[in-house]
């Protein structure tokens, strides 16, 4: 079974989708219940990855599967090539963990065309898992593009009043970046063929061995980096995100924030930086500047929002700016902090969107000035909201603190020291806008009559939040559970990148000589 664990994990949701399509469309509870069952089974299928200690000692890809897929002539080969290491491990598990929670959140939120929504949810899960485990660049691109379709329809059909605008904007931004990346992928493949290096299809592991000229690296890196920057999203290509989050249904916002945005940050770690290390070094100051601008800009704009969901959306721009700063620090602290912060963001921001969904289902408004004093009427809701708010601002003992601390430490120990200093202001601003929002919504007088009859969280809603609360404290108090399995892969990949940078430097100084000195 372990020989094909990743394939089973990836395509089991597709099998579930086919069953969903065969179920009667007028039985919403059956459709939701079956979809929940499929996502729970998928989560349990993924658990052997979490308990396998091989990741603690080995940086290699594990659970690998390989099969020839598409052959065109003698020179064009695309393969089904998948595997997982300590870098992708926790992102795969985050995906399988979040999906049942997202489905459970639809119970009272999605009441039209339930069959279509559930089918798209399962298709999206397959695409996201497939992207995280792909070791063939063309296969990665297929899954990357496949993700766009379900999310586009989720926003466009089940979203708010401006859903069409938000869906089209989301699609145009991401599709534009994807096309540039496709051109770069094809160019890298033909460079590999012409160089004489033995490659197996579009294997990214084989592509790591290529020696690409600095000039070519520059253009190729820009194509990959632009595509991934849109998905993160980094400033200034972030403008699609607030619209998409605001208009998407709660489950769509949770999936988008918790998982899909990580495709961009993961893309830098797995593809853009290791494939083009010299170009990476060239653009690090510029990209780090954009990351810091995103941190501060996202926080300042979040502070000015009067819509809770838009505030959380702009907070994502700020928090993911920290992830990118950690990645560009190019050291173990920065990368490990960046990866754990991806997980933290998925837990905390996913939870925040669920909280916004709870209150929206009750009041059908997200305007902050419509609330006040809710802690008196909804004490359980207030307690959970407070914990998630504190985790989002990085209170020591919660998950948010661990990632931000390591990222800033990585920046201070690299050439990005001053970028780290300015980024620290983002931590302060996050506390300002999150705590100010919490104070306005939860405290004060319960003066609005519409709020005086609100019911506290149901057992289903509490059960939905408990797993997220568990990880808030688990990561915050014992993060080594996660670091010990990611560190070997992180250290190995950073070493590979630095060796290639040194080789290129020597070759630049002494053309034709690749001996490292």
Protein backbone atom coordinates (compact mmCIF):
# COMPACT_ATOMS: atom_id res chain seq x y z
CA UNK A 1 0.00 0.00 0.00
CA UNK A 2 2.84 2.42 0.81
CA UNK A 3 4.20 1.90 -2.72
CA UNK A 4 1.22 3.77 -4.12
CA UNK A 5 0.29 5.87 -1.09
CA UNK A 6 0.71 9.20 -2.87
CA UNK A 7 -1.36 8.12 -5.86
CA UNK A 8 -4.12 6.85 -3.60
CA UNK A 9 -3.95 10.07 -1.60
CA UNK A 10 -4.11 12.22 -4.73
CA UNK A 11 -6.83 10.47 -6.68
CA UNK A 12 -9.12 9.20 -3.91
CA UNK A 13 -10.97 12.56 -3.89
CA UNK A 14 -11.54 12.18 -7.65
CA UNK A 15 -13.18 8.81 -7.04
CA UNK A 16 -15.32 10.47 -4.41
CA UNK A 17 -16.22 13.21 -6.89
CA UNK A 18 -17.52 10.61 -9.36
CA UNK A 19 -19.77 9.16 -6.67
CA UNK A 20 -20.98 12.66 -5.73
CA UNK A 21 -21.97 13.25 -9.35
CA UNK A 22 -24.06 10.07 -9.24
CA UNK A 23 -25.93 11.03 -6.05
CA UNK A 24 -29.34 12.77 -6.19
CA UNK A 25 -28.90 16.52 -6.42
CA UNK A 26 -31.84 17.37 -4.15
CA UNK A 27 -30.39 15.70 -1.04
CA UNK A 28 -27.94 18.33 0.22
CA UNK A 29 -27.17 16.65 3.54
CA UNK A 30 -26.29 13.38 1.81
CA UNK A 31 -23.98 15.18 -0.62
CA UNK A 32 -22.26 17.11 2.17
CA UNK A 33 -22.03 14.08 4.41
CA UNK A 34 -20.48 11.91 1.71
CA UNK A 35 -18.01 14.64 0.72
CA UNK A 36 -17.04 15.03 4.36
CA UNK A 37 -16.49 11.27 4.57
CA UNK A 38 -14.25 11.33 1.47
CA UNK A 39 -12.12 14.17 2.85
CA UNK A 40 -11.83 12.44 6.24
CA UNK A 41 -10.72 9.18 4.60
CA UNK A 42 -8.20 11.16 2.53
CA UNK A 43 -6.86 12.68 5.74
CA UNK A 44 -6.46 9.24 7.32
CA UNK A 45 -4.71 7.97 4.20
CA UNK A 46 -2.16 10.78 4.65
CA UNK A 47 -1.41 10.01 8.31
CA UNK A 48 1.38 7.44 7.62
CA UNK A 49 3.37 10.36 6.21
CA UNK A 50 3.09 12.22 9.51
CA UNK A 51 4.29 9.26 11.59
CA UNK A 52 7.13 8.12 9.33
CA UNK A 53 10.47 8.90 11.01
CA UNK A 54 12.42 8.52 7.76
CA UNK A 55 12.04 12.27 7.21
CA UNK A 56 14.05 12.95 10.38
CA UNK A 57 17.21 11.39 8.98
CA UNK A 58 16.90 11.60 5.20
CA UNK A 59 16.62 14.60 2.90
CA UNK A 60 15.69 12.44 -0.10
CA UNK A 61 12.31 12.15 -1.74
CA UNK A 62 10.22 9.34 -0.25
CA UNK A 63 7.11 7.43 -1.33
CA UNK A 64 8.24 8.07 -4.89
CA UNK A 65 6.29 6.76 -7.87
CA UNK A 66 7.31 6.91 -11.50
CA UNK A 67 5.55 5.97 -14.72
CA UNK A 68 5.96 7.15 -18.30
CA UNK A 69 3.01 9.27 -19.29
CA UNK A 70 3.17 11.11 -22.64
CA UNK A 71 5.82 10.62 -25.33
CA UNK A 72 6.01 12.82 -28.42
CA UNK A 73 8.76 11.77 -30.80
CA UNK A 74 12.20 11.02 -29.44
CA UNK A 75 12.74 14.23 -27.52
CA UNK A 76 9.56 15.07 -25.64
CA UNK A 77 8.73 12.93 -22.60
CA UNK A 78 6.36 13.73 -19.73
CA UNK A 79 6.17 11.41 -16.74
CA UNK A 80 4.00 10.74 -13.75
CA UNK A 81 6.75 11.42 -11.22
CA UNK A 82 5.77 12.13 -7.60
CA UNK A 83 7.40 12.09 -4.19
CA UNK A 84 7.47 13.90 -0.88
CA UNK A 85 10.25 15.21 1.37
CA UNK A 86 10.39 17.25 4.58
CA UNK A 87 9.56 20.45 2.69
CA UNK A 88 6.37 19.22 1.02
CA UNK A 89 5.38 16.82 3.82
CA UNK A 90 3.59 19.31 6.07
CA UNK A 91 1.96 21.11 3.15
CA UNK A 92 0.39 17.86 1.96
CA UNK A 93 -0.81 17.15 5.50
CA UNK A 94 -2.11 20.71 5.86
CA UNK A 95 -4.20 20.14 2.73
CA UNK A 96 -5.76 16.90 3.93
CA UNK A 97 -6.32 18.41 7.39
CA UNK A 98 -8.06 21.58 6.20
CA UNK A 99 -10.37 20.00 3.61
CA UNK A 100 -12.76 18.20 6.06
CA UNK A 101 -12.99 21.42 8.07
CA UNK A 102 -13.84 23.39 4.93
CA UNK A 103 -16.55 20.89 3.96
CA UNK A 104 -18.02 20.94 7.48
CA UNK A 105 -18.26 24.74 7.26
CA UNK A 106 -20.66 24.46 4.29
CA UNK A 107 -23.47 22.80 6.27
CA UNK A 108 -25.61 25.93 6.51
CA UNK A 109 -23.59 28.19 4.20
CA UNK A 110 -24.04 26.36 0.87
CA UNK A 111 -27.65 25.60 -0.01
CA UNK A 112 -27.81 25.97 -3.80
CA UNK A 113 -26.37 23.51 -6.32
CA UNK A 114 -24.77 21.55 -3.48
CA UNK A 115 -23.74 18.72 -5.81
CA UNK A 116 -21.67 21.04 -7.98
CA UNK A 117 -19.95 22.66 -5.00
CA UNK A 118 -19.03 19.32 -3.41
CA UNK A 119 -17.75 17.90 -6.70
CA UNK A 120 -15.56 20.96 -7.27
CA UNK A 121 -14.25 20.75 -3.70
CA UNK A 122 -13.02 17.18 -4.23
CA UNK A 123 -11.52 18.05 -7.62
CA UNK A 124 -9.69 20.95 -5.99
CA UNK A 125 -8.28 18.67 -3.28
CA UNK A 126 -6.80 16.35 -5.91
CA UNK A 127 -5.23 19.29 -7.75
CA UNK A 128 -3.67 20.78 -4.62
CA UNK A 129 -2.19 17.51 -3.36
CA UNK A 130 -0.92 16.73 -6.85
CA UNK A 131 0.86 20.07 -7.11
CA UNK A 132 2.67 19.57 -3.78
CA UNK A 133 3.94 16.08 -4.65
CA UNK A 134 4.83 16.58 -8.34
CA UNK A 135 8.49 16.04 -9.20
CA UNK A 136 7.90 16.47 -12.93
CA UNK A 137 7.59 20.12 -13.88
CA UNK A 138 5.00 19.47 -16.57
CA UNK A 139 2.91 17.37 -14.17
CA UNK A 140 3.18 20.19 -11.63
CA UNK A 141 1.93 22.61 -14.25
CA UNK A 142 -1.08 20.39 -15.03
CA UNK A 143 -2.11 20.29 -11.37
CA UNK A 144 -1.30 24.00 -10.98
CA UNK A 145 -3.70 24.88 -13.80
CA UNK A 146 -6.31 22.38 -12.62
CA UNK A 147 -6.59 24.29 -9.32
CA UNK A 148 -7.84 27.39 -11.13
CA UNK A 149 -11.00 25.79 -12.48
CA UNK A 150 -12.75 24.73 -9.24
CA UNK A 151 -11.85 27.94 -7.39
CA UNK A 152 -13.01 30.07 -10.33
CA UNK A 153 -16.45 28.45 -10.25
CA UNK A 154 -16.62 28.48 -6.44
CA UNK A 155 -16.19 32.24 -6.46
CA UNK A 156 -18.24 32.87 -9.60
CA UNK A 157 -21.29 30.76 -8.67
CA UNK A 158 -21.42 30.67 -4.88
CA UNK A 159 -19.81 34.03 -4.13
CA UNK A 160 -21.23 37.42 -3.13
CA UNK A 161 -22.81 40.14 -5.23
CA UNK A 162 -19.55 41.03 -7.05
CA UNK A 163 -18.61 37.38 -7.56
CA UNK A 164 -18.23 37.52 -11.36
CA UNK A 165 -15.79 40.44 -11.20
CA UNK A 166 -13.76 38.72 -8.45
CA UNK A 167 -13.71 35.36 -10.26
CA UNK A 168 -12.61 36.84 -13.59
CA UNK A 169 -9.92 38.94 -11.91
CA UNK A 170 -8.64 35.88 -10.03
CA UNK A 171 -8.51 33.86 -13.25
CA UNK A 172 -6.82 36.54 -15.38
CA UNK A 173 -4.08 37.22 -12.83
CA UNK A 174 -3.22 33.58 -12.19
CA UNK A 175 -3.55 32.46 -15.81
CA UNK A 176 -1.22 35.23 -17.02
CA UNK A 177 1.51 34.15 -14.62
CA UNK A 178 0.94 30.50 -15.47
CA UNK A 179 1.48 31.05 -19.19
CA UNK A 180 4.83 32.73 -18.58
CA UNK A 181 5.85 29.82 -16.35
CA UNK A 182 4.85 27.32 -19.05
CA UNK A 183 7.12 29.03 -21.59
CA UNK A 184 9.97 28.92 -19.08
CA UNK A 185 9.37 25.23 -18.32
CA UNK A 186 9.55 24.31 -22.01
CA UNK A 187 12.73 26.37 -22.43
CA UNK A 188 14.41 24.64 -19.47
CA UNK A 189 13.47 21.24 -20.91
CA UNK A 190 15.04 21.97 -24.28
CA UNK A 191 18.10 23.43 -22.59
CA UNK A 192 18.46 20.11 -20.78
CA UNK A 193 18.11 18.13 -24.00
CA UNK A 194 20.67 20.27 -25.82
CA UNK A 195 23.15 20.22 -22.94
CA UNK A 196 23.47 16.44 -23.11
CA UNK A 197 22.57 16.00 -19.46
CA UNK A 198 20.57 12.82 -18.96
CA UNK A 199 17.10 13.84 -17.85
CA UNK A 200 13.97 11.85 -17.22
CA UNK A 201 11.18 13.90 -18.77
CA UNK A 202 10.66 17.16 -16.89
CA UNK A 203 12.15 15.82 -13.65
CA UNK A 204 12.92 18.78 -11.40
CA UNK A 205 15.56 16.70 -9.58
CA UNK A 206 17.40 16.27 -12.89
CA UNK A 207 16.92 19.93 -13.76
CA UNK A 208 18.67 20.89 -10.51
CA UNK A 209 21.88 19.53 -12.11
CA UNK A 210 21.71 21.80 -15.14
CA UNK A 211 24.20 24.58 -15.71
CA UNK A 212 22.21 27.47 -17.18
CA UNK A 213 23.92 30.71 -18.16
CA UNK A 214 23.31 33.69 -15.86
CA UNK A 215 21.62 35.60 -18.69
CA UNK A 216 19.14 32.80 -19.35
CA UNK A 217 18.63 32.29 -15.63
CA UNK A 218 17.55 35.90 -15.27
CA UNK A 219 14.66 35.60 -17.72
CA UNK A 220 13.65 32.12 -16.58
CA UNK A 221 13.67 33.15 -12.92
CA UNK A 222 11.55 36.20 -13.70
CA UNK A 223 8.95 34.02 -15.43
CA UNK A 224 8.74 31.58 -12.51
CA UNK A 225 8.99 34.29 -9.85
CA UNK A 226 6.23 36.39 -11.41
CA UNK A 227 3.87 33.42 -11.58
CA UNK A 228 4.55 32.42 -7.97
CA UNK A 229 4.42 36.05 -6.76
CA UNK A 230 0.86 36.33 -8.08
CA UNK A 231 -0.16 33.20 -6.23
CA UNK A 232 1.44 34.23 -2.89
CA UNK A 233 0.40 37.08 -3.52
CA UNK A 234 3.25 39.55 -3.20
CA UNK A 235 2.95 43.31 -3.50
CA UNK A 236 2.10 44.78 -6.05
CA UNK A 237 0.39 41.79 -7.77
CA UNK A 238 -1.84 41.16 -4.75
CA UNK A 239 -4.93 43.08 -5.80
CA UNK A 240 -6.93 40.03 -6.87
CA UNK A 241 -6.80 38.52 -3.37
CA UNK A 242 -9.03 40.87 -1.32
CA UNK A 243 -11.75 40.69 -3.99
CA UNK A 244 -11.53 36.90 -4.23
CA UNK A 245 -11.63 36.45 -0.45
CA UNK A 246 -14.46 38.92 0.07
CA UNK A 247 -16.71 37.40 -2.58
CA UNK A 248 -15.85 33.71 -2.07
CA UNK A 249 -18.06 31.53 0.15
CA UNK A 250 -16.57 30.73 3.56
CA UNK A 251 -15.26 27.31 2.49
CA UNK A 252 -13.65 28.86 -0.60
CA UNK A 253 -11.93 31.54 1.48
CA UNK A 254 -10.64 28.92 3.92
CA UNK A 255 -9.20 26.74 1.14
CA UNK A 256 -7.75 29.73 -0.71
CA UNK A 257 -6.05 31.20 2.37
CA UNK A 258 -5.01 27.99 4.10
CA UNK A 259 -3.72 26.02 1.11
CA UNK A 260 -3.78 27.62 -2.32
CA UNK A 261 -1.71 30.69 -1.43
CA UNK A 262 1.03 28.32 -0.25
CA UNK A 263 1.50 27.17 -3.83
CA UNK A 264 3.32 30.42 -4.51
CA UNK A 265 5.66 30.25 -1.52
CA UNK A 266 6.26 26.53 -2.12
CA UNK A 267 7.01 27.26 -5.78
CA UNK A 268 9.89 29.53 -4.79
CA UNK A 269 11.38 26.86 -2.51
CA UNK A 270 10.97 23.90 -4.83
CA UNK A 271 11.43 25.40 -8.27
CA UNK A 272 12.43 29.05 -8.74
CA UNK A 273 15.35 29.23 -6.28
CA UNK A 274 16.99 25.79 -6.77
CA UNK A 275 16.67 25.92 -10.57
CA UNK A 276 18.02 29.46 -10.94
CA UNK A 277 20.29 30.14 -7.94
CA UNK A 278 22.43 32.81 -9.58
CA UNK A 279 19.42 34.83 -10.71
CA UNK A 280 17.93 34.39 -7.25
CA UNK A 281 21.00 36.01 -5.70
CA UNK A 282 20.69 38.88 -8.14
CA UNK A 283 17.02 39.59 -7.33
CA UNK A 284 17.03 38.93 -3.57
CA UNK A 285 17.38 42.64 -2.57
CA UNK A 286 14.52 43.68 -4.85
CA UNK A 287 12.21 40.82 -3.86
CA UNK A 288 13.02 41.29 -0.18
CA UNK A 289 12.06 44.95 -0.53
CA UNK A 290 8.73 43.92 -2.06
CA UNK A 291 8.20 41.44 0.78
CA UNK A 292 8.75 44.14 3.42
CA UNK A 293 6.54 46.61 1.54
CA UNK A 294 3.87 43.90 1.46
CA UNK A 295 4.21 43.32 5.21
CA UNK A 296 3.76 46.98 6.09
CA UNK A 297 1.31 47.88 3.31
CA UNK A 298 -0.94 44.89 4.04
CA UNK A 299 -1.01 45.77 7.74
CA UNK A 300 -1.78 49.45 7.15
CA UNK A 301 -4.58 48.72 4.67
CA UNK A 302 -6.02 46.06 7.00
CA UNK A 303 -6.12 48.66 9.74
CA UNK A 304 -8.38 50.88 7.62
CA UNK A 305 -10.97 48.23 6.73
CA UNK A 306 -14.52 48.33 8.05
CA UNK A 307 -15.30 44.84 6.68
CA UNK A 308 -13.99 42.00 8.85
CA UNK A 309 -13.38 39.69 5.90
CA UNK A 310 -11.43 42.31 3.96
CA UNK A 311 -9.34 42.96 7.06
CA UNK A 312 -8.43 39.27 7.27
CA UNK A 313 -7.73 39.20 3.51
CA UNK A 314 -5.24 42.07 3.73
CA UNK A 315 -3.67 40.47 6.79
CA UNK A 316 -2.79 37.54 4.50
CA UNK A 317 -0.76 39.88 2.29
CA UNK A 318 1.15 41.01 5.37
CA UNK A 319 1.69 37.57 6.90
CA UNK A 320 2.82 35.96 3.67
CA UNK A 321 5.27 38.81 3.22
CA UNK A 322 7.01 37.39 6.30
CA UNK A 323 7.16 33.97 4.65
CA UNK A 324 8.81 35.43 1.57
CA UNK A 325 11.33 37.36 3.69
CA UNK A 326 12.28 34.12 5.43
CA UNK A 327 12.75 32.37 2.09
CA UNK A 328 14.95 35.16 0.72
CA UNK A 329 17.14 35.04 3.83
CA UNK A 330 18.58 31.88 2.24
CA UNK A 331 19.48 30.17 5.50
CA UNK A 332 18.04 27.33 7.56
CA UNK A 333 16.37 29.60 10.11
CA UNK A 334 14.62 31.61 7.42
CA UNK A 335 13.48 28.61 5.39
CA UNK A 336 12.33 26.57 8.38
CA UNK A 337 10.57 29.63 9.77
CA UNK A 338 8.99 30.30 6.38
CA UNK A 339 7.67 26.74 6.03
CA UNK A 340 6.27 26.61 9.57
CA UNK A 341 4.72 30.04 8.99
CA UNK A 342 2.97 28.66 5.91
CA UNK A 343 1.38 26.06 8.19
CA UNK A 344 0.64 28.67 10.86
CA UNK A 345 -1.03 30.95 8.35
CA UNK A 346 -3.14 28.07 7.10
CA UNK A 347 -4.31 27.29 10.64
CA UNK A 348 -4.82 30.82 11.97
CA UNK A 349 -6.13 32.60 8.88
CA UNK A 350 -8.29 29.62 7.93
CA UNK A 351 -9.76 29.82 11.44
CA UNK A 352 -10.35 33.57 11.09
CA UNK A 353 -12.33 33.07 7.88
CA UNK A 354 -14.40 30.41 9.62
CA UNK A 355 -15.10 32.85 12.46
CA UNK A 356 -16.17 35.51 9.96
CA UNK A 357 -18.42 32.90 8.34
CA UNK A 358 -20.07 32.06 11.68
CA UNK A 359 -21.02 35.65 12.34
CA UNK A 360 -22.07 36.31 8.74
CA UNK A 361 -24.47 33.33 8.79
CA UNK A 362 -26.15 34.89 11.84
CA UNK A 363 -26.21 38.56 10.85
CA UNK A 364 -25.63 38.59 7.06
CA UNK A 365 -23.23 41.49 7.46
CA UNK A 366 -19.48 41.77 7.96
CA UNK A 367 -19.39 45.49 8.81
CA UNK A 368 -17.42 46.02 12.02
CA UNK A 369 -19.63 48.92 13.11
CA UNK A 370 -22.66 46.59 13.10
CA UNK A 371 -21.26 44.71 16.07
CA UNK A 372 -20.10 45.41 19.60
CA UNK A 373 -20.53 43.63 22.90
CA UNK A 374 -20.83 40.17 21.34
CA UNK A 375 -18.75 38.63 24.14
CA UNK A 376 -21.74 39.03 26.47
CA UNK A 377 -24.09 37.24 24.09
CA UNK A 378 -21.65 34.64 22.65
CA UNK A 379 -19.00 33.77 25.28
CA UNK A 380 -17.80 30.56 23.59
CA UNK A 381 -17.44 32.37 20.28
CA UNK A 382 -15.57 35.20 22.02
CA UNK A 383 -13.13 32.79 23.68
CA UNK A 384 -12.27 30.98 20.45
CA UNK A 385 -12.06 34.26 18.55
CA UNK A 386 -9.64 35.63 21.18
CA UNK A 387 -7.33 32.60 20.96
CA UNK A 388 -7.18 32.74 17.17
CA UNK A 389 -6.62 36.52 17.25
CA UNK A 390 -3.68 36.12 19.64
CA UNK A 391 -2.20 33.37 17.48
CA UNK A 392 -2.51 35.62 14.43
CA UNK A 393 -0.58 38.43 16.13
CA UNK A 394 2.16 36.01 17.23
CA UNK A 395 1.68 35.77 20.99
CA UNK A 396 4.45 33.59 22.53
CA UNK A 397 3.08 30.14 23.21
CA UNK A 398 0.97 30.17 20.05
CA UNK A 399 1.90 29.03 16.56
CA UNK A 400 2.32 32.51 15.07
CA UNK A 401 5.22 33.41 17.34
CA UNK A 402 7.43 30.48 16.30
CA UNK A 403 7.39 31.23 12.59
CA UNK A 404 7.82 34.98 12.81
CA UNK A 405 10.65 34.69 15.34
CA UNK A 406 12.63 32.29 13.13
CA UNK A 407 12.00 34.38 10.02
CA UNK A 408 13.24 37.56 11.67
CA UNK A 409 16.23 35.72 13.15
CA UNK A 410 17.04 34.33 9.70
CA UNK A 411 16.85 37.82 8.21
CA UNK A 412 19.09 39.27 10.94
CA UNK A 413 21.71 36.56 10.35
CA UNK A 414 21.75 37.15 6.58
CA UNK A 415 22.37 40.15 4.39
CA UNK A 416 18.74 41.20 4.97
CA UNK A 417 19.31 42.56 8.47
CA UNK A 418 17.77 45.95 7.79
CA UNK A 419 14.88 44.38 5.93
CA UNK A 420 14.25 42.36 9.10
CA UNK A 421 14.32 45.52 11.20
CA UNK A 422 11.65 47.18 9.06
CA UNK A 423 9.62 43.95 8.88
CA UNK A 424 9.41 43.94 12.67
CA UNK A 425 7.04 46.89 12.42
CA UNK A 426 4.61 44.49 10.76
CA UNK A 427 4.42 42.50 14.00
CA UNK A 428 3.43 45.66 15.88
CA UNK A 429 0.90 46.72 13.24
CA UNK A 430 -0.65 43.24 13.22
CA UNK A 431 -1.29 43.53 16.94
CA UNK A 432 -2.87 46.95 16.37
CA UNK A 433 -5.35 46.02 13.63
CA UNK A 434 -6.26 42.57 14.99
CA UNK A 435 -6.77 43.63 18.61
CA UNK A 436 -8.57 46.82 17.59
CA UNK A 437 -10.94 44.81 15.40
CA UNK A 438 -11.49 42.27 18.21
CA UNK A 439 -12.20 45.03 20.71
CA UNK A 440 -14.76 46.72 18.46
CA UNK A 441 -16.60 43.49 17.65
CA UNK A 442 -16.53 41.71 21.01
CA UNK A 443 -16.48 44.39 23.72
CA UNK A 444 -18.43 47.54 24.56
CA UNK A 445 -22.19 47.85 24.87
CA UNK A 446 -24.49 45.30 23.27
CA UNK A 447 -26.58 48.14 21.88
CA UNK A 448 -27.61 46.83 18.46
CA UNK A 449 -30.97 45.00 18.84
CA UNK A 450 -30.00 42.64 16.01
CA UNK A 451 -27.12 41.32 18.12
CA UNK A 452 -29.12 40.77 21.28
CA UNK A 453 -30.71 37.52 20.11
CA UNK A 454 -27.66 35.90 18.54
CA UNK A 455 -27.02 32.27 19.45
CA UNK A 456 -23.60 31.09 20.56
CA UNK A 457 -21.63 28.53 18.55
CA UNK A 458 -23.32 25.18 17.96
CA UNK A 459 -21.69 21.85 18.77
CA UNK A 460 -20.84 21.44 15.06
CA UNK A 461 -19.12 24.81 14.94
CA UNK A 462 -17.15 24.15 18.12
CA UNK A 463 -16.09 20.72 16.80
CA UNK A 464 -14.99 22.42 13.59
CA UNK A 465 -12.70 24.82 15.50
CA UNK A 466 -11.20 22.40 18.04
CA UNK A 467 -8.64 20.80 15.65
CA UNK A 468 -7.42 24.27 14.67
CA UNK A 469 -7.09 25.31 18.33
CA UNK A 470 -5.11 22.13 18.98
CA UNK A 471 -2.51 23.08 16.39
CA UNK A 472 -2.37 26.68 17.57
CA UNK A 473 -0.92 25.42 20.86
CA UNK A 474 0.85 22.30 19.57
CA UNK A 475 2.98 24.27 17.11
CA UNK A 476 3.40 27.10 19.61
CA UNK A 477 4.56 24.91 22.51
CA UNK A 478 6.29 22.01 20.78
CA UNK A 479 7.31 23.04 17.27
CA UNK A 480 10.12 20.49 17.13
CA UNK A 481 7.51 17.91 16.09
CA UNK A 482 7.47 19.71 12.77
CA UNK A 483 11.04 21.01 12.52
CA UNK A 484 12.75 17.65 13.05
CA UNK A 485 11.16 16.28 9.88
CA UNK A 486 11.67 19.32 7.68
CA UNK A 487 15.22 20.31 8.71
CA UNK A 488 17.17 17.60 6.77
CA UNK A 489 15.43 18.48 3.50
CA UNK A 490 15.76 22.23 4.15
CA UNK A 491 19.48 22.00 4.94
CA UNK A 492 20.14 19.80 1.92
CA UNK A 493 18.35 22.06 -0.56
CA UNK A 494 20.00 25.21 0.78
CA UNK A 495 23.39 23.50 0.46
CA UNK A 496 22.64 22.56 -3.14
CA UNK A 497 21.69 26.13 -3.98
CA UNK A 498 24.81 27.58 -2.35
CA UNK A 499 27.10 25.09 -4.10
CA UNK A 500 25.60 26.00 -7.48
CA UNK A 501 26.01 29.70 -6.71
CA UNK A 502 29.68 29.16 -5.87
CA UNK A 503 30.24 27.12 -9.05
CA UNK A 504 28.70 29.87 -11.18
CA UNK A 505 30.85 32.49 -9.43
CA UNK A 506 34.02 30.49 -10.13
CA UNK A 507 32.97 29.91 -13.74
CA UNK A 508 32.30 33.64 -14.15
CA UNK A 509 35.76 34.54 -12.87
CA UNK A 510 37.57 31.69 -14.66
CA UNK A 511 35.58 30.68 -17.74
CA UNK A 512 35.86 26.97 -18.46
CA UNK A 513 37.04 26.08 -14.95
CA UNK A 514 34.46 24.69 -12.54
CA UNK A 515 36.77 23.76 -9.67
CA UNK A 516 35.54 25.29 -6.45
CA UNK A 517 38.19 27.27 -4.58
